[in-house]
Structure formats: structure tokens, C-alpha cells
Amino acid sequence: MKLIRPLLASSKGRIVLLVLVAIVGWQVWLTIAAPAKIAAGIPPDANRVDVRVVLPFVPERFHVQEMQSFGRVSGTRENSIEVRGVNRDKLTALARPFWVRQVEPLEQGG
């Protein structure tokens, strides 16, 4: 409390605290929202899964490169990126970015 009182006494301190609260709140929201983005139908018994990551826009190079850290990108189609061999434990992390709308199972042969 002794550290917070001087910060609250100045307008610059209040701004810094407000920005910190906003950043922490944003990160908490991303963490809470991620599991809801994972669609049903992903095989529960598989260690590695093939998924389609749906975005609200056409993916750019940055988005494809980010998805490569989770698995093998096999292509893009309209507003989605196909990622194969994703570790099931990493699905929540894959769904965490704000620009990911949904993570769906990839249709075999598609």
C-alpha cells in the first residue's frame, strides 16, 4: 500500500496504473476467451491434431509464421490457415491471439 499511495497522488502515476491494469485485464481476457474458440469435433484421444484456424480476415505472412510455431502450415484458404500436427496441449495457446476467431478440426482430404 505504501507504494501505491504516492502513485495515486500524481496524475502520471494514475495513468501508469491505469495502463498496467488495462494490460493485465487484456491478457486475462485473452486467456479466458481462448478455450471457447476451440470447436467441438477435435478428436479427444489424439496427441496431435490437424486444425483450421479461422481468422476474421485474410491471413498475412505474419499470421502464417505465428501458426508455424504450433505445427506444419499446409496452406491457407479464404480466412483460414490449415495447421497440421498440432500438439493437443498447445490448442489453447494457438487460440489465444485476439485475431483468432475459431479453431476447427481440419476435414480430411480438405
N, C-alpha and C. Protein backbone atom coordinates (compact mmCIF):
# COMPACT_ATOMS: atom_id res chain seq x y z
N MET A 1 0.81 -1.20 0.00
CA MET A 1 0.00 0.00 0.00
C MET A 1 0.85 1.25 0.00
N LYS A 2 2.03 1.20 0.65
CA LYS A 2 2.89 2.39 0.72
C LYS A 2 3.38 2.80 -0.67
N LEU A 3 3.53 1.84 -1.55
CA LEU A 3 3.99 2.13 -2.91
C LEU A 3 2.86 2.70 -3.77
N ILE A 4 1.65 2.25 -3.55
CA ILE A 4 0.53 2.66 -4.40
C ILE A 4 0.05 4.07 -4.08
N ARG A 5 0.06 4.46 -2.81
CA ARG A 5 -0.44 5.78 -2.43
C ARG A 5 0.27 6.92 -3.15
N PRO A 6 1.61 6.93 -3.21
CA PRO A 6 2.26 8.03 -3.96
C PRO A 6 1.91 8.02 -5.45
N LEU A 7 1.74 6.82 -6.01
CA LEU A 7 1.36 6.74 -7.43
C LEU A 7 -0.04 7.31 -7.65
N LEU A 8 -0.94 7.03 -6.75
CA LEU A 8 -2.29 7.55 -6.88
C LEU A 8 -2.37 9.06 -6.64
N ALA A 9 -1.39 9.59 -5.97
CA ALA A 9 -1.39 11.03 -5.66
C ALA A 9 -1.05 11.87 -6.89
N SER A 10 -0.34 11.30 -7.85
CA SER A 10 0.03 12.08 -9.04
C SER A 10 -0.77 11.60 -10.26
N SER A 11 -1.01 12.52 -11.18
CA SER A 11 -1.77 12.15 -12.37
C SER A 11 -0.97 11.19 -13.26
N LYS A 12 0.34 11.36 -13.32
CA LYS A 12 1.17 10.43 -14.11
C LYS A 12 1.13 9.03 -13.50
N GLY A 13 1.16 8.97 -12.19
CA GLY A 13 1.08 7.68 -11.52
C GLY A 13 -0.24 6.98 -11.78
N ARG A 14 -1.34 7.73 -11.76
CA ARG A 14 -2.66 7.15 -12.04
C ARG A 14 -2.73 6.64 -13.47
N ILE A 15 -2.12 7.38 -14.39
CA ILE A 15 -2.11 6.94 -15.79
C ILE A 15 -1.32 5.64 -15.94
N VAL A 16 -0.16 5.56 -15.29
CA VAL A 16 0.66 4.35 -15.36
C VAL A 16 -0.11 3.17 -14.77
N LEU A 17 -0.74 3.37 -13.62
CA LEU A 17 -1.52 2.28 -13.02
C LEU A 17 -2.68 1.87 -13.91
N LEU A 18 -3.35 2.83 -14.52
CA LEU A 18 -4.46 2.53 -15.42
C LEU A 18 -4.01 1.71 -16.62
N VAL A 19 -2.86 2.08 -17.18
CA VAL A 19 -2.32 1.33 -18.32
C VAL A 19 -1.95 -0.09 -17.89
N LEU A 20 -1.32 -0.23 -16.73
CA LEU A 20 -0.96 -1.56 -16.24
C LEU A 20 -2.20 -2.43 -15.99
N VAL A 21 -3.23 -1.85 -15.40
CA VAL A 21 -4.47 -2.59 -15.16
C VAL A 21 -5.09 -3.00 -16.49
N ALA A 22 -5.07 -2.11 -17.49
CA ALA A 22 -5.63 -2.42 -18.80
C ALA A 22 -4.86 -3.56 -19.47
N ILE A 23 -3.55 -3.54 -19.39
CA ILE A 23 -2.73 -4.60 -20.00
C ILE A 23 -3.00 -5.94 -19.32
N VAL A 24 -3.01 -5.95 -18.00
CA VAL A 24 -3.27 -7.19 -17.27
C VAL A 24 -4.68 -7.69 -17.57
N GLY A 25 -5.65 -6.79 -17.60
CA GLY A 25 -7.03 -7.17 -17.92
C GLY A 25 -7.14 -7.78 -19.31
N TRP A 26 -6.45 -7.18 -20.29
CA TRP A 26 -6.45 -7.69 -21.67
C TRP A 26 -5.87 -9.10 -21.72
N GLN A 27 -4.75 -9.33 -21.02
CA GLN A 27 -4.12 -10.65 -21.02
C GLN A 27 -5.02 -11.69 -20.34
N VAL A 28 -5.68 -11.30 -19.26
CA VAL A 28 -6.60 -12.22 -18.58
C VAL A 28 -7.76 -12.57 -19.51
N TRP A 29 -8.31 -11.55 -20.19
CA TRP A 29 -9.42 -11.81 -21.11
C TRP A 29 -9.00 -12.76 -22.23
N LEU A 30 -7.81 -12.58 -22.81
CA LEU A 30 -7.34 -13.48 -23.86
C LEU A 30 -7.23 -14.91 -23.34
N THR A 31 -6.76 -15.07 -22.13
CA THR A 31 -6.60 -16.39 -21.54
C THR A 31 -7.96 -17.05 -21.29
N ILE A 32 -8.92 -16.28 -20.83
CA ILE A 32 -10.26 -16.82 -20.55
C ILE A 32 -11.01 -17.14 -21.84
N ALA A 33 -10.84 -16.31 -22.87
CA ALA A 33 -11.58 -16.48 -24.12
C ALA A 33 -11.04 -17.62 -24.99
N ALA A 34 -9.79 -17.99 -24.84
CA ALA A 34 -9.16 -18.97 -25.73
C ALA A 34 -9.87 -20.33 -25.77
N PRO A 35 -10.21 -20.95 -24.65
CA PRO A 35 -10.85 -22.28 -24.73
C PRO A 35 -12.20 -22.25 -25.46
N ALA A 36 -12.91 -21.15 -25.39
CA ALA A 36 -14.21 -21.06 -26.08
C ALA A 36 -14.06 -20.99 -27.59
N LYS A 37 -12.88 -20.68 -28.08
CA LYS A 37 -12.64 -20.60 -29.53
C LYS A 37 -12.38 -21.97 -30.15
N ILE A 38 -12.15 -22.97 -29.32
CA ILE A 38 -11.84 -24.31 -29.83
C ILE A 38 -13.16 -25.05 -30.06
N ALA A 39 -13.41 -25.39 -31.31
CA ALA A 39 -14.68 -26.04 -31.69
C ALA A 39 -14.70 -27.49 -31.24
N ALA A 40 -15.91 -27.98 -31.05
CA ALA A 40 -16.10 -29.41 -30.75
C ALA A 40 -15.76 -30.20 -32.02
N GLY A 41 -15.44 -31.44 -31.85
CA GLY A 41 -15.15 -32.28 -33.01
C GLY A 41 -13.68 -32.58 -33.18
N ILE A 42 -12.83 -31.96 -32.39
CA ILE A 42 -11.41 -32.29 -32.44
C ILE A 42 -11.23 -33.58 -31.64
N PRO A 43 -10.62 -34.58 -32.24
CA PRO A 43 -10.51 -35.89 -31.57
C PRO A 43 -9.87 -35.78 -30.18
N PRO A 44 -10.56 -36.24 -29.14
CA PRO A 44 -10.04 -36.09 -27.79
C PRO A 44 -8.90 -37.04 -27.45
N ASP A 45 -8.76 -38.12 -28.21
CA ASP A 45 -7.75 -39.12 -27.88
C ASP A 45 -6.44 -38.95 -28.65
N ALA A 46 -6.39 -38.01 -29.59
CA ALA A 46 -5.19 -37.83 -30.41
C ALA A 46 -4.21 -36.87 -29.73
N ASN A 47 -2.93 -37.23 -29.77
CA ASN A 47 -1.89 -36.33 -29.23
C ASN A 47 -1.64 -35.15 -30.17
N ARG A 48 -1.71 -35.43 -31.45
CA ARG A 48 -1.50 -34.39 -32.46
C ARG A 48 -2.75 -34.33 -33.33
N VAL A 49 -3.17 -33.10 -33.64
CA VAL A 49 -4.39 -32.91 -34.41
C VAL A 49 -4.13 -31.95 -35.57
N ASP A 50 -4.95 -32.08 -36.59
CA ASP A 50 -4.91 -31.18 -37.74
C ASP A 50 -6.08 -30.21 -37.59
N VAL A 51 -5.80 -28.90 -37.63
CA VAL A 51 -6.85 -27.91 -37.39
C VAL A 51 -6.85 -26.83 -38.45
N ARG A 52 -7.99 -26.17 -38.52
CA ARG A 52 -8.13 -24.99 -39.37
C ARG A 52 -8.35 -23.82 -38.43
N VAL A 53 -7.47 -22.83 -38.51
CA VAL A 53 -7.56 -21.64 -37.67
C VAL A 53 -8.27 -20.56 -38.48
N VAL A 54 -9.46 -20.20 -38.03
CA VAL A 54 -10.29 -19.22 -38.74
C VAL A 54 -10.00 -17.83 -38.19
N LEU A 55 -9.75 -16.91 -39.11
CA LEU A 55 -9.48 -15.51 -38.76
C LEU A 55 -10.62 -14.63 -39.28
N PRO A 56 -10.76 -13.42 -38.76
CA PRO A 56 -11.81 -12.52 -39.28
C PRO A 56 -11.37 -11.79 -40.55
N PHE A 57 -10.24 -12.17 -41.11
CA PHE A 57 -9.68 -11.51 -42.29
C PHE A 57 -8.78 -12.51 -43.02
N VAL A 58 -8.34 -12.15 -44.20
CA VAL A 58 -7.42 -13.00 -44.96
C VAL A 58 -6.06 -12.99 -44.25
N PRO A 59 -5.50 -14.16 -43.94
CA PRO A 59 -4.23 -14.20 -43.22
C PRO A 59 -3.09 -13.61 -44.04
N GLU A 60 -2.20 -12.95 -43.34
CA GLU A 60 -0.99 -12.40 -43.97
C GLU A 60 0.21 -13.22 -43.51
N ARG A 61 1.36 -12.89 -44.02
CA ARG A 61 2.58 -13.65 -43.74
C ARG A 61 2.83 -13.77 -42.22
N PHE A 62 2.63 -12.69 -41.49
CA PHE A 62 2.83 -12.71 -40.04
C PHE A 62 2.00 -13.80 -39.37
N HIS A 63 0.72 -13.89 -39.75
CA HIS A 63 -0.17 -14.86 -39.12
C HIS A 63 0.25 -16.29 -39.45
N VAL A 64 0.66 -16.51 -40.68
CA VAL A 64 1.13 -17.85 -41.09
C VAL A 64 2.38 -18.22 -40.30
N GLN A 65 3.31 -17.28 -40.16
CA GLN A 65 4.53 -17.56 -39.41
C GLN A 65 4.25 -17.83 -37.94
N GLU A 66 3.30 -17.13 -37.37
CA GLU A 66 2.92 -17.39 -35.97
C GLU A 66 2.36 -18.80 -35.81
N MET A 67 1.56 -19.24 -36.76
CA MET A 67 0.97 -20.58 -36.69
C MET A 67 2.01 -21.67 -36.89
N GLN A 68 3.12 -21.36 -37.58
CA GLN A 68 4.18 -22.35 -37.79
C GLN A 68 4.83 -22.77 -36.48
N SER A 69 4.71 -21.95 -35.45
CA SER A 69 5.30 -22.33 -34.16
C SER A 69 4.47 -23.41 -33.47
N PHE A 70 3.26 -23.69 -33.96
CA PHE A 70 2.39 -24.70 -33.36
C PHE A 70 2.33 -25.99 -34.16
N GLY A 71 2.67 -25.92 -35.44
CA GLY A 71 2.61 -27.11 -36.28
C GLY A 71 3.01 -26.77 -37.71
N ARG A 72 2.74 -27.69 -38.61
CA ARG A 72 3.08 -27.55 -40.02
C ARG A 72 1.95 -26.84 -40.74
N VAL A 73 2.20 -25.68 -41.28
CA VAL A 73 1.18 -24.97 -42.06
C VAL A 73 1.13 -25.60 -43.44
N SER A 74 -0.06 -26.10 -43.81
CA SER A 74 -0.18 -26.77 -45.10
C SER A 74 -0.90 -25.89 -46.12
N GLY A 75 -1.27 -24.69 -45.71
CA GLY A 75 -1.89 -23.78 -46.67
C GLY A 75 -2.88 -22.83 -46.01
N THR A 76 -3.41 -21.96 -46.85
CA THR A 76 -4.44 -21.03 -46.40
C THR A 76 -5.61 -21.16 -47.36
N ARG A 77 -6.78 -20.85 -46.84
CA ARG A 77 -7.98 -20.87 -47.67
C ARG A 77 -8.90 -19.79 -47.15
N GLU A 78 -9.19 -18.81 -47.99
CA GLU A 78 -10.03 -17.68 -47.62
C GLU A 78 -9.53 -17.06 -46.32
N ASN A 79 -10.31 -17.13 -45.26
CA ASN A 79 -9.94 -16.52 -43.98
C ASN A 79 -9.42 -17.54 -42.98
N SER A 80 -8.72 -18.56 -43.45
CA SER A 80 -8.25 -19.59 -42.51
C SER A 80 -6.86 -20.08 -42.89
N ILE A 81 -6.22 -20.67 -41.87
CA ILE A 81 -4.90 -21.27 -42.03
C ILE A 81 -5.01 -22.73 -41.61
N GLU A 82 -4.53 -23.64 -42.44
CA GLU A 82 -4.53 -25.07 -42.11
C GLU A 82 -3.22 -25.41 -41.42
N VAL A 83 -3.32 -25.95 -40.21
CA VAL A 83 -2.13 -26.30 -39.43
C VAL A 83 -2.24 -27.78 -39.06
N ARG A 84 -1.22 -28.54 -39.41
CA ARG A 84 -1.21 -29.99 -39.17
C ARG A 84 -0.21 -30.34 -38.08
N GLY A 85 -0.52 -31.40 -37.37
CA GLY A 85 0.39 -31.91 -36.35
C GLY A 85 0.50 -31.02 -35.12
N VAL A 86 -0.59 -30.37 -34.74
CA VAL A 86 -0.58 -29.50 -33.57
C VAL A 86 -0.68 -30.37 -32.32
N ASN A 87 0.22 -30.13 -31.38
CA ASN A 87 0.16 -30.83 -30.10
C ASN A 87 -1.14 -30.44 -29.40
N ARG A 88 -1.91 -31.41 -28.98
CA ARG A 88 -3.22 -31.15 -28.37
C ARG A 88 -3.10 -30.21 -27.16
N ASP A 89 -2.01 -30.32 -26.42
CA ASP A 89 -1.80 -29.47 -25.25
C ASP A 89 -1.59 -28.00 -25.63
N LYS A 90 -1.27 -27.73 -26.88
CA LYS A 90 -1.00 -26.36 -27.32
C LYS A 90 -2.21 -25.69 -27.99
N LEU A 91 -3.36 -26.36 -28.04
CA LEU A 91 -4.53 -25.79 -28.72
C LEU A 91 -4.99 -24.49 -28.08
N THR A 92 -4.97 -24.42 -26.76
CA THR A 92 -5.40 -23.19 -26.09
C THR A 92 -4.46 -22.04 -26.42
N ALA A 93 -3.16 -22.31 -26.44
CA ALA A 93 -2.20 -21.27 -26.79
C ALA A 93 -2.38 -20.83 -28.25
N LEU A 94 -2.70 -21.77 -29.12
CA LEU A 94 -2.95 -21.45 -30.52
C LEU A 94 -4.18 -20.55 -30.67
N ALA A 95 -5.19 -20.77 -29.84
CA ALA A 95 -6.44 -19.99 -29.92
C ALA A 95 -6.35 -18.66 -29.17
N ARG A 96 -5.29 -18.41 -28.44
CA ARG A 96 -5.20 -17.23 -27.57
C ARG A 96 -5.11 -15.89 -28.29
N PRO A 97 -4.41 -15.74 -29.41
CA PRO A 97 -4.33 -14.40 -30.03
C PRO A 97 -5.70 -13.81 -30.33
N PHE A 98 -5.81 -12.51 -30.17
CA PHE A 98 -7.12 -11.86 -30.38
C PHE A 98 -7.61 -11.99 -31.80
N TRP A 99 -6.70 -12.20 -32.75
CA TRP A 99 -7.11 -12.28 -34.15
C TRP A 99 -7.54 -13.68 -34.57
N VAL A 100 -7.51 -14.65 -33.67
CA VAL A 100 -8.03 -15.98 -33.96
C VAL A 100 -9.51 -16.00 -33.59
N ARG A 101 -10.34 -16.29 -34.55
CA ARG A 101 -11.79 -16.34 -34.29
C ARG A 101 -12.21 -17.73 -33.79
N GLN A 102 -11.69 -18.80 -34.44
CA GLN A 102 -12.07 -20.15 -34.05
C GLN A 102 -11.01 -21.15 -34.52
N VAL A 103 -10.91 -22.25 -33.79
CA VAL A 103 -10.05 -23.37 -34.16
C VAL A 103 -10.95 -24.57 -34.39
N GLU A 104 -10.96 -25.07 -35.62
CA GLU A 104 -11.86 -26.16 -36.01
C GLU A 104 -11.04 -27.37 -36.45
N PRO A 105 -11.64 -28.57 -36.39
CA PRO A 105 -10.93 -29.72 -36.94
C PRO A 105 -10.81 -29.57 -38.46
N LEU A 106 -9.70 -30.00 -38.98
CA LEU A 106 -9.47 -29.93 -40.43
C LEU A 106 -10.09 -31.17 -41.06
N GLU A 107 -10.95 -30.94 -42.05
CA GLU A 107 -11.58 -32.07 -42.74
C GLU A 107 -10.49 -32.83 -43.49
N GLN A 108 -10.51 -34.14 -43.33
CA GLN A 108 -9.52 -34.97 -44.04
C GLN A 108 -9.78 -34.90 -45.53
N GLY A 109 -8.70 -34.69 -46.27
CA GLY A 109 -8.82 -34.55 -47.71
C GLY A 109 -9.15 -33.13 -48.11
N GLY A 110 -9.20 -32.17 -47.11
CA GLY A 110 -9.55 -30.80 -47.43
C GLY A 110 -8.59 -29.81 -47.07
